C-alpha cells in the first residue's frame, strides 16, 4: 500500500540515496531534488538497480525559490519532505563560511516556505551530532545543552534547528522531526550503493581507500586527546539504520503519534569508538593491515561525542540492525565493487 509521496532533497547523496531505498521498501513513493553539485547520478542509478524502478530527480538548486516552487506545483500530492540537501564538509566550512551559510540556510528556508505554501505538513530535517560541540558530559541526549559550534557547518545545523522550531511554533498543523546523526558509515548490504567520495574526509572511506591502494596511507588526526588511546571518540552508525529512522520519523508524524510539533532525536549506536579502535575493527573484518601515521589535531574536530539513543528507540520504534563489524564489512565490499567497476571500464 502506497503511504504517500515523499520529496527527498539531496536524494543523490550518500544518506539520501539509502533513505530512498528504505522509504520505497516501506511503501512510500519518492521524488528527489538534487542539483548534483555534491550528489551523483551514479547513486541514483544504484538506487534504481536495487529497487528495480526509476526515481524522478529534479536538478534544481534549492537556493532558487522559484525553481523549487515549480516542483511543488508539479507534485501537489507531496505529503512529506526529508531535507538532506546541504554542504557538509567541516574543513571546507572553516575555509568558506559564507558559502555554507548561504547554501545550507537559504535552502532550508525555501523548503519550509514551500511546505507552508503548498500544505506539506510533515518535514524531517537532517541535523547532526556536531550541534553538541564539545559536550560537558557523555553520552549526549536530546536535552544536553548545545555547546559552541566548532565549525560553520555545525553552526548551520544549530541555526537550522532553530529555524525549524520557530516555523513549527508559528504554523499550526505542521510537524518537524530533527534527526541528529552521529557518524553514518557502511553501504547497502548488496554493496550496489555506498559512499561516493573521490577525496573523502570521512574516516571510513579514507580507511577503505587506503586498504585498496587508492591512497598510500592515511593520517590519524591527534593522538593526545583525553581519551583511552589518545584519538578522537565517535559514534558510528550504519547508513541503513540512519535511513530507516527517516522512514520511522515520517510514519510517526503521519500517524499523529508525535508528542510535539517539533521533536529532536539522536541517531547513534550509543557506543563511543576511537579512531584507532575503528581501524582495528576494519583490519579484523577485511584481513588487511592499514598503513597510517599519526598527525596533528585538525581544526573543527570535537574530542568525543556519542549518543543516548533511548528516545528514538522508544518513540519511533527504531531498532539498530547493523553491528560495527557489519558497518566495516559493507563499507569494504562497496570499496571492492568500486574497484571492480573501474577495472571493467578500463577493459
Protein backbone atom coordinates (compact mmCIF):
# COMPACT_ATOMS: atom_id res chain seq x y z
CA UNK A 1 0.00 0.00 0.00
CA UNK A 2 1.39 3.40 -1.02
CA UNK A 3 1.70 5.59 2.08
CA UNK A 4 2.09 8.83 0.10
CA UNK A 5 4.63 10.79 -1.93
CA UNK A 6 7.79 11.96 -0.18
CA UNK A 7 10.15 14.61 -1.50
CA UNK A 8 13.77 13.81 -0.65
CA UNK A 9 16.17 16.72 -1.11
CA UNK A 10 19.76 15.64 -1.70
CA UNK A 11 18.47 12.29 -2.92
CA UNK A 12 21.61 11.63 -4.97
CA UNK A 13 23.81 11.89 -1.88
CA UNK A 14 25.06 9.21 0.49
CA UNK A 15 22.33 9.20 3.15
CA UNK A 16 19.68 10.46 0.73
CA UNK A 17 20.15 7.55 -1.67
CA UNK A 18 19.99 4.91 1.07
CA UNK A 19 16.91 6.60 2.55
CA UNK A 20 15.09 6.49 -0.80
CA UNK A 21 15.62 2.71 -0.81
CA UNK A 22 14.21 2.38 2.70
CA UNK A 23 11.23 4.67 2.04
CA UNK A 24 10.18 2.80 -1.11
CA UNK A 25 10.69 -0.59 0.56
CA UNK A 26 8.27 0.65 3.24
CA UNK A 27 5.53 1.65 0.81
CA UNK A 28 6.25 5.31 0.07
CA UNK A 29 6.51 6.92 -3.35
CA UNK A 30 9.59 9.15 -3.71
CA UNK A 31 10.80 12.05 -5.84
CA UNK A 32 14.21 13.66 -5.40
CA UNK A 33 15.73 17.11 -5.72
CA UNK A 34 19.50 17.23 -6.15
CA UNK A 35 21.46 19.86 -8.05
CA UNK A 36 24.31 17.30 -8.36
CA UNK A 37 26.88 19.78 -7.01
CA UNK A 38 27.71 17.18 -4.35
CA UNK A 39 25.41 14.28 -5.19
CA UNK A 40 25.87 11.88 -8.11
CA UNK A 41 23.69 10.23 -10.75
CA UNK A 42 25.71 7.07 -10.01
CA UNK A 43 23.97 6.96 -6.64
CA UNK A 44 20.58 7.31 -8.30
CA UNK A 45 21.43 4.58 -10.81
CA UNK A 46 22.40 2.26 -7.95
CA UNK A 47 19.19 3.03 -6.06
CA UNK A 48 17.17 2.26 -9.20
CA UNK A 49 19.05 -1.02 -9.66
CA UNK A 50 18.32 -2.13 -6.08
CA UNK A 51 14.64 -1.15 -6.32
CA UNK A 52 14.02 -2.20 -9.92
CA UNK A 53 12.27 1.08 -10.67
CA UNK A 54 13.16 4.58 -11.81
CA UNK A 55 13.29 7.59 -9.47
CA UNK A 56 12.49 11.10 -10.68
CA UNK A 57 15.24 13.60 -9.79
CA UNK A 58 14.88 17.34 -10.34
CA UNK A 59 18.24 19.01 -10.92
CA UNK A 60 17.36 22.18 -9.01
CA UNK A 61 19.29 24.50 -6.69
CA UNK A 62 17.10 24.87 -3.60
CA UNK A 63 18.53 28.34 -3.02
CA UNK A 64 16.37 29.38 -6.00
CA UNK A 65 12.86 29.71 -4.60
CA UNK A 66 11.03 29.91 -7.95
CA UNK A 67 12.65 26.74 -9.29
CA UNK A 68 11.85 24.97 -6.01
CA UNK A 69 8.23 26.13 -6.08
CA UNK A 70 7.82 24.69 -9.59
CA UNK A 71 8.42 21.17 -8.22
CA UNK A 72 5.68 21.55 -5.62
CA UNK A 73 3.30 22.90 -8.28
CA UNK A 74 4.05 19.86 -10.45
CA UNK A 75 3.61 17.49 -7.48
CA UNK A 76 0.58 18.65 -5.47
CA UNK A 77 0.34 15.25 -3.72
CA UNK A 78 3.57 15.50 -1.66
CA UNK A 79 2.76 14.51 1.96
CA UNK A 80 6.23 14.81 3.49
CA UNK A 81 9.73 16.18 2.94
CA UNK A 82 13.07 14.75 4.01
CA UNK A 83 15.57 17.58 3.78
CA UNK A 84 19.16 16.36 3.37
CA UNK A 85 20.47 18.84 0.80
CA UNK A 86 23.37 20.75 2.37
CA UNK A 87 27.12 21.17 2.16
CA UNK A 88 28.66 19.04 4.91
CA UNK A 89 32.46 19.30 4.96
CA UNK A 90 33.71 20.63 8.31
CA UNK A 91 37.07 21.67 6.86
CA UNK A 92 35.57 23.38 3.82
CA UNK A 93 33.11 25.26 6.02
CA UNK A 94 36.00 26.68 8.06
CA UNK A 95 37.58 27.97 4.82
CA UNK A 96 34.32 29.05 3.09
CA UNK A 97 31.87 30.07 5.83
CA UNK A 98 29.72 32.38 3.67
CA UNK A 99 29.19 29.63 1.09
CA UNK A 100 27.95 27.33 3.85
CA UNK A 101 25.62 29.90 5.42
CA UNK A 102 24.21 30.89 2.03
CA UNK A 103 23.61 27.34 0.81
CA UNK A 104 22.56 25.48 3.93
CA UNK A 105 20.31 28.15 5.44
CA UNK A 106 18.72 29.54 2.26
CA UNK A 107 17.81 26.06 1.04
CA UNK A 108 16.12 25.21 4.34
CA UNK A 109 14.17 28.48 4.44
CA UNK A 110 12.95 27.88 0.87
CA UNK A 111 11.90 24.30 1.61
CA UNK A 112 9.92 25.39 4.67
CA UNK A 113 8.34 28.23 2.68
CA UNK A 114 7.19 25.69 0.09
CA UNK A 115 5.96 23.31 2.80
CA UNK A 116 3.79 26.15 4.11
CA UNK A 117 2.63 27.47 0.72
CA UNK A 118 1.76 24.02 -0.68
CA UNK A 119 0.42 22.45 2.54
CA UNK A 120 3.02 19.74 3.07
CA UNK A 121 2.60 19.06 6.81
CA UNK A 122 5.49 16.71 7.64
CA UNK A 123 9.20 17.58 7.45
CA UNK A 124 12.29 15.66 8.54
CA UNK A 125 15.38 17.84 8.94
CA UNK A 126 18.82 16.34 8.58
CA UNK A 127 20.74 17.62 11.59
CA UNK A 128 23.98 16.43 13.15
CA UNK A 129 25.69 15.49 16.39
CA UNK A 130 28.01 18.40 15.60
CA UNK A 131 25.37 20.66 17.21
CA UNK A 132 26.56 19.40 20.62
CA UNK A 133 30.09 20.78 20.15
CA UNK A 134 32.43 19.65 22.93
CA UNK A 135 29.72 18.42 25.29
CA UNK A 136 30.41 18.55 29.04
CA UNK A 137 29.06 15.05 29.71
CA UNK A 138 28.64 11.85 27.69
CA UNK A 139 26.63 10.22 26.28
CA UNK A 140 24.64 13.18 24.98
CA UNK A 141 20.86 13.04 25.00
CA UNK A 142 18.34 15.38 23.40
CA UNK A 143 18.30 17.63 26.50
CA UNK A 144 22.09 18.06 26.57
CA UNK A 145 22.83 21.80 26.27
CA UNK A 146 24.38 22.69 22.91
CA UNK A 147 27.93 23.95 23.24
CA UNK A 148 29.56 26.49 20.92
CA UNK A 149 29.66 25.10 17.38
CA UNK A 150 33.18 24.02 16.39
CA UNK A 151 32.71 24.91 12.69
CA UNK A 152 30.46 26.97 10.40
CA UNK A 153 28.97 23.67 9.17
CA UNK A 154 27.94 22.75 12.72
CA UNK A 155 26.55 26.25 13.24
CA UNK A 156 24.35 25.93 10.13
CA UNK A 157 22.83 22.84 11.77
CA UNK A 158 22.24 24.69 15.05
CA UNK A 159 20.65 27.59 13.14
CA UNK A 160 18.63 25.14 11.04
CA UNK A 161 17.14 23.57 14.16
CA UNK A 162 16.14 27.00 15.49
CA UNK A 163 14.52 27.88 12.14
CA UNK A 164 12.54 24.60 12.19
CA UNK A 165 11.37 25.15 15.78
CA UNK A 166 10.27 28.72 15.06
CA UNK A 167 8.44 27.55 11.93
CA UNK A 168 6.58 24.76 13.76
CA UNK A 169 5.69 27.10 16.63
CA UNK A 170 4.04 29.65 14.33
CA UNK A 171 2.40 27.29 11.83
CA UNK A 172 -0.21 25.05 13.39
CA UNK A 173 -0.67 21.67 11.74
CA UNK A 174 2.96 21.34 10.64
CA UNK A 175 5.26 18.74 12.20
CA UNK A 176 9.04 18.54 12.09
CA UNK A 177 11.45 15.85 13.28
CA UNK A 178 15.03 16.98 13.79
CA UNK A 179 17.31 13.95 13.39
CA UNK A 180 20.80 14.39 14.83
CA UNK A 181 23.03 11.85 13.10
CA UNK A 182 26.22 10.69 14.61
CA UNK A 183 28.67 9.15 12.11
CA UNK A 184 26.91 7.29 9.27
CA UNK A 185 29.11 4.60 7.73
CA UNK A 186 28.88 1.46 5.63
CA UNK A 187 26.90 0.67 2.49
CA UNK A 188 23.72 -1.07 1.41
CA UNK A 189 24.08 -4.82 2.13
CA UNK A 190 24.08 -5.51 -1.64
CA UNK A 191 27.12 -3.18 -1.90
CA UNK A 192 25.45 -1.66 -5.01
CA UNK A 193 25.40 1.79 -3.35
CA UNK A 194 27.69 3.32 -0.75
CA UNK A 195 29.67 6.46 -0.03
CA UNK A 196 30.88 8.13 -3.23
CA UNK A 197 33.79 10.47 -2.49
CA UNK A 198 36.84 10.90 -4.67
CA UNK A 199 38.68 12.71 -1.87
CA UNK A 200 36.78 11.74 1.27
CA UNK A 201 37.13 13.46 4.62
CA UNK A 202 35.01 10.92 6.46
CA UNK A 203 37.07 8.28 8.20
CA UNK A 204 35.62 5.02 6.87
CA UNK A 205 36.04 5.75 3.12
CA UNK A 206 39.56 7.02 3.92
CA UNK A 207 40.23 3.65 5.59
CA UNK A 208 38.81 1.61 2.70
CA UNK A 209 40.61 3.68 0.05
CA UNK A 210 43.87 3.16 1.92
CA UNK A 211 43.27 -0.57 2.19
CA UNK A 212 42.54 -0.96 -1.53
CA UNK A 213 45.53 1.15 -2.60
CA UNK A 214 43.86 4.36 -3.80
CA UNK A 215 45.79 6.13 -1.06
CA UNK A 216 49.34 5.34 0.02
CA UNK A 217 48.50 5.86 3.68
CA UNK A 218 46.16 7.72 5.97
CA UNK A 219 46.52 10.11 8.89
CA UNK A 220 45.01 9.83 12.33
CA UNK A 221 44.48 13.44 13.38
CA UNK A 222 45.59 13.81 17.00
CA UNK A 223 47.00 11.30 19.47
CA UNK A 224 46.96 13.47 22.60
CA UNK A 225 43.23 13.79 23.28
CA UNK A 226 41.92 12.86 26.72
CA UNK A 227 40.55 9.51 25.52
CA UNK A 228 41.50 5.89 26.17
CA UNK A 229 44.06 5.77 23.33
CA UNK A 230 44.56 9.49 22.59
CA UNK A 231 42.47 9.53 19.38
CA UNK A 232 39.01 11.12 18.95
CA UNK A 233 35.91 9.19 20.03
CA UNK A 234 32.92 8.98 17.69
CA UNK A 235 29.63 7.11 17.49
CA UNK A 236 29.41 5.14 14.23
CA UNK A 237 26.03 4.05 12.89
CA UNK A 238 25.22 2.10 9.74
CA UNK A 239 23.75 4.21 6.94
CA UNK A 240 20.78 1.85 6.50
CA UNK A 241 19.93 2.23 10.20
CA UNK A 242 20.05 6.01 9.72
CA UNK A 243 17.91 5.66 6.57
CA UNK A 244 15.26 3.63 8.38
CA UNK A 245 14.95 6.28 11.10
CA UNK A 246 13.73 8.76 8.46
CA UNK A 247 11.01 6.33 7.39
CA UNK A 248 10.07 5.83 11.05
CA UNK A 249 10.01 9.61 11.69
CA UNK A 250 7.64 10.19 8.75
CA UNK A 251 5.35 7.35 9.86
CA UNK A 252 5.39 8.77 13.41
CA UNK A 253 4.20 12.18 12.21
CA UNK A 254 1.74 10.89 9.58
CA UNK A 255 0.05 8.66 12.20
CA UNK A 256 -0.18 11.69 14.50
CA UNK A 257 1.67 9.96 17.35
CA UNK A 258 4.24 12.76 17.70
CA UNK A 259 4.22 14.44 21.12
CA UNK A 260 5.15 17.93 19.92
CA UNK A 261 5.09 19.89 16.65
CA UNK A 262 8.91 19.87 16.57
CA UNK A 263 10.83 17.00 18.12
CA UNK A 264 14.50 16.09 18.15
CA UNK A 265 16.00 12.59 18.07
CA UNK A 266 19.57 11.32 18.39
CA UNK A 267 20.54 8.71 15.79
CA UNK A 268 23.60 6.90 17.01
CA UNK A 269 24.61 3.42 18.13
CA UNK A 270 25.19 4.58 21.71
CA UNK A 271 28.77 3.32 21.66
CA UNK A 272 31.85 5.52 21.56
CA UNK A 273 34.61 4.14 19.31
CA UNK A 274 38.05 5.73 18.97
CA UNK A 275 39.68 6.28 15.57
CA UNK A 276 42.32 3.67 16.38
CA UNK A 277 39.67 1.16 17.51
CA UNK A 278 37.80 1.68 14.24
CA UNK A 279 40.98 0.96 12.29
CA UNK A 280 41.44 -2.28 14.28
CA UNK A 281 37.81 -3.28 13.62
CA UNK A 282 38.34 -2.79 9.88
CA UNK A 283 41.59 -4.79 9.91
CA UNK A 284 39.80 -7.67 11.65
CA UNK A 285 36.92 -7.79 9.16
CA UNK A 286 38.98 -7.26 6.00
CA UNK A 287 42.16 -9.14 6.89
CA UNK A 288 44.12 -6.08 5.68
CA UNK A 289 46.79 -4.19 7.60
CA UNK A 290 46.37 -0.45 7.21
CA UNK A 291 49.22 1.95 6.61
CA UNK A 292 48.59 5.00 8.80
CA UNK A 293 50.53 7.76 10.51
CA UNK A 294 49.75 9.98 13.48
CA UNK A 295 49.30 13.67 12.62
CA UNK A 296 48.41 16.86 14.47
CA UNK A 297 44.90 17.71 15.60
CA UNK A 298 42.52 19.03 12.93
CA UNK A 299 40.59 22.30 13.25
CA UNK A 300 36.87 21.82 13.90
CA UNK A 301 37.14 18.33 15.45
CA UNK A 302 35.48 17.70 18.80
CA UNK A 303 37.24 15.42 21.28
CA UNK A 304 34.46 12.91 21.88
CA UNK A 305 30.76 12.52 21.21
CA UNK A 306 28.39 9.57 21.34
CA UNK A 307 24.66 9.20 21.70
CA UNK A 308 22.00 8.23 24.12
CA UNK A 309 19.50 6.90 21.54
CA UNK A 310 16.77 5.87 24.02
CA UNK A 311 14.24 8.41 22.76
CA UNK A 312 14.39 7.35 19.08
CA UNK A 313 14.18 3.67 20.04
CA UNK A 314 11.21 4.25 22.35
CA UNK A 315 9.10 6.78 20.44
CA UNK A 316 9.95 5.96 16.82
CA UNK A 317 10.22 2.21 17.36
CA UNK A 318 13.70 2.41 15.81
CA UNK A 319 15.95 -0.63 16.13
CA UNK A 320 19.63 -0.79 15.25
CA UNK A 321 20.18 -3.71 12.90
CA UNK A 322 23.88 -3.43 11.99
CA UNK A 323 26.93 -4.07 14.20
CA UNK A 324 30.32 -2.33 13.91
CA UNK A 325 31.68 -5.40 12.08
CA UNK A 326 28.79 -5.20 9.57
CA UNK A 327 29.45 -1.48 9.08
CA UNK A 328 33.06 -2.26 8.19
CA UNK A 329 32.15 -5.31 6.08
CA UNK A 330 29.62 -3.45 3.89
CA UNK A 331 31.97 -0.47 3.50
CA UNK A 332 34.80 -2.77 2.41
CA UNK A 333 32.64 -4.73 -0.07
CA UNK A 334 31.43 -1.42 -1.53
CA UNK A 335 35.03 -0.26 -2.00
CA UNK A 336 35.91 -3.55 -3.69
CA UNK A 337 32.89 -3.17 -6.03
CA UNK A 338 34.08 0.32 -6.99
CA UNK A 339 37.49 -1.14 -7.85
CA UNK A 340 35.89 -3.87 -9.99
CA UNK A 341 33.80 -1.24 -11.82
CA UNK A 342 36.94 0.79 -12.54
CA UNK A 343 38.72 -2.27 -13.91
CA UNK A 344 35.76 -3.24 -16.11
CA UNK A 345 35.62 0.30 -17.53
CA UNK A 346 39.34 0.16 -18.35
CA UNK A 347 38.79 -3.11 -20.23
